[in-house]
N, C-alpha and C. Protein backbone atom coordinates (compact mmCIF):
# COMPACT_ATOMS: atom_id res chain seq x y z
N MET A 1 13.17 11.64 -3.99
CA MET A 1 13.22 10.03 -4.59
C MET A 1 12.51 9.09 -3.67
N LYS A 2 12.40 9.34 -2.29
CA LYS A 2 11.65 8.30 -1.47
C LYS A 2 10.19 8.70 -1.77
N LYS A 3 9.67 9.93 -2.13
CA LYS A 3 8.01 10.15 -2.53
C LYS A 3 7.86 9.47 -4.05
N PHE A 4 8.91 9.45 -4.86
CA PHE A 4 8.61 8.62 -5.91
C PHE A 4 8.80 7.33 -5.99
N HIS A 5 9.59 6.73 -5.07
CA HIS A 5 9.55 5.24 -4.74
C HIS A 5 8.22 4.89 -4.05
N LEU A 6 7.71 5.65 -3.09
CA LEU A 6 6.37 5.25 -2.45
C LEU A 6 5.39 5.41 -3.31
N ILE A 7 5.47 6.07 -4.45
CA ILE A 7 4.06 6.53 -5.30
C ILE A 7 4.22 4.94 -6.15
N PHE A 8 5.41 4.80 -6.58
CA PHE A 8 5.55 3.76 -7.41
C PHE A 8 5.27 2.20 -6.74
N LEU A 9 5.45 2.29 -5.66
CA LEU A 9 5.11 0.98 -4.71
C LEU A 9 3.34 1.35 -4.60
N ALA A 10 2.95 2.46 -4.26
CA ALA A 10 1.37 2.44 -4.25
C ALA A 10 0.60 2.07 -5.63
N ILE A 11 1.10 2.33 -6.63
CA ILE A 11 0.70 2.08 -8.07
C ILE A 11 0.55 0.74 -7.99
N LEU A 12 2.02 -0.11 -7.84
CA LEU A 12 2.13 -1.40 -7.93
C LEU A 12 0.98 -2.28 -7.00
N LEU A 13 0.69 -1.71 -5.79
CA LEU A 13 -0.38 -2.47 -4.73
C LEU A 13 -1.58 -2.23 -5.66
N CYS A 14 -1.93 -1.19 -5.91
CA CYS A 14 -3.13 -0.82 -6.87
C CYS A 14 -3.37 -1.71 -7.88
N LEU A 15 -2.35 -2.09 -8.85
CA LEU A 15 -2.70 -2.98 -9.78
C LEU A 15 -2.91 -4.58 -9.31
N ILE A 16 -1.92 -4.71 -8.23
CA ILE A 16 -2.38 -5.97 -7.92
C ILE A 16 -3.44 -6.39 -7.37
N PHE A 17 -4.12 -5.27 -6.47
CA PHE A 17 -5.13 -5.29 -5.71
C PHE A 17 -6.59 -5.70 -6.67
N THR A 18 -6.61 -4.64 -7.93
CA THR A 18 -7.40 -4.86 -8.69
C THR A 18 -7.47 -6.26 -9.62
N ARG A 19 -5.98 -6.48 -9.88
CA ARG A 19 -6.19 -8.06 -10.43
C ARG A 19 -6.63 -9.16 -9.86
N PHE A 20 -6.45 -9.07 -8.41
CA PHE A 20 -7.07 -10.04 -7.49
C PHE A 20 -8.62 -9.85 -7.20
N SER A 21 -9.26 -8.61 -7.52
CA SER A 21 -10.50 -8.33 -7.21
C SER A 21 -11.04 -8.71 -8.49
N LEU A 22 -10.66 -8.64 -9.59
CA LEU A 22 -11.14 -9.03 -10.92
C LEU A 22 -11.10 -10.66 -10.81
N ALA A 23 -10.31 -11.05 -10.19
CA ALA A 23 -10.22 -12.57 -10.31
C ALA A 23 -11.39 -13.06 -9.61
N GLN A 24 -11.87 -12.50 -8.52
CA GLN A 24 -12.98 -13.13 -7.68
C GLN A 24 -14.20 -13.17 -8.72
N ASP A 25 -14.29 -12.02 -9.73
CA ASP A 25 -15.43 -11.93 -10.33
C ASP A 25 -15.50 -13.02 -11.61
N GLN A 26 -14.33 -13.08 -12.01
CA GLN A 26 -13.89 -13.84 -13.28
C GLN A 26 -13.34 -15.30 -13.34
N GLU A 27 -13.87 -16.47 -13.76
CA GLU A 27 -13.35 -17.54 -13.38
C GLU A 27 -12.00 -17.90 -14.01
N GLU A 28 -11.72 -17.30 -15.28
CA GLU A 28 -10.27 -17.14 -16.01
C GLU A 28 -9.55 -16.54 -14.85
N GLY A 29 -9.90 -15.49 -14.14
CA GLY A 29 -9.03 -14.76 -13.40
C GLY A 29 -8.30 -15.60 -12.30
N MET A 30 -9.38 -16.61 -11.62
CA MET A 30 -9.35 -17.16 -10.59
C MET A 30 -8.22 -18.38 -10.61
N PHE A 31 -8.37 -18.98 -12.21
CA PHE A 31 -7.23 -19.86 -12.71
C PHE A 31 -6.13 -19.17 -12.73
N GLN A 32 -5.82 -18.12 -13.03
CA GLN A 32 -4.66 -17.17 -13.28
C GLN A 32 -3.96 -17.15 -11.99
N ALA A 33 -4.80 -16.61 -11.24
CA ALA A 33 -4.47 -16.38 -9.85
C ALA A 33 -3.86 -17.78 -8.91
N ALA A 34 -4.70 -18.79 -9.53
CA ALA A 34 -4.09 -20.17 -8.98
C ALA A 34 -2.72 -20.46 -9.61
N SER A 35 -2.71 -20.12 -10.68
CA SER A 35 -1.39 -20.89 -11.35
C SER A 35 -0.33 -19.70 -10.90
N ILE A 36 -0.50 -18.53 -10.61
CA ILE A 36 0.42 -17.50 -9.98
C ILE A 36 1.11 -18.08 -8.66
N THR A 37 0.24 -18.65 -7.77
CA THR A 37 0.51 -18.98 -6.53
C THR A 37 0.58 -20.53 -6.51
N PRO A 38 1.78 -21.03 -6.66
CA PRO A 38 1.93 -22.54 -6.67
C PRO A 38 2.15 -23.00 -5.27
N GLY A 39 1.90 -24.27 -4.84
CA GLY A 39 2.01 -24.81 -3.64
C GLY A 39 0.39 -24.79 -3.37
N ILE A 40 -0.55 -24.11 -3.72
CA ILE A 40 -1.75 -24.56 -3.39
C ILE A 40 -2.60 -25.45 -4.32
N GLY A 41 -2.80 -26.74 -4.11
CA GLY A 41 -3.23 -27.42 -4.87
C GLY A 41 -4.77 -27.68 -4.84
N PHE A 42 -6.08 -27.55 -5.68
CA PHE A 42 -7.30 -27.76 -5.58
C PHE A 42 -7.52 -29.23 -6.15
N GLU A 43 -7.78 -29.99 -5.32
CA GLU A 43 -8.07 -31.55 -6.19
C GLU A 43 -9.42 -32.08 -5.64
């Protein structure tokens, strides 16, 4: 069970990492990342 849990966490981390790496390339992705992390306001 522990190995399965570690694999699941690894997949989640990969998905999050790829999403943020795409956000750096796409402006829309940057806006989505900003909306996901509240508290950081660009004015």
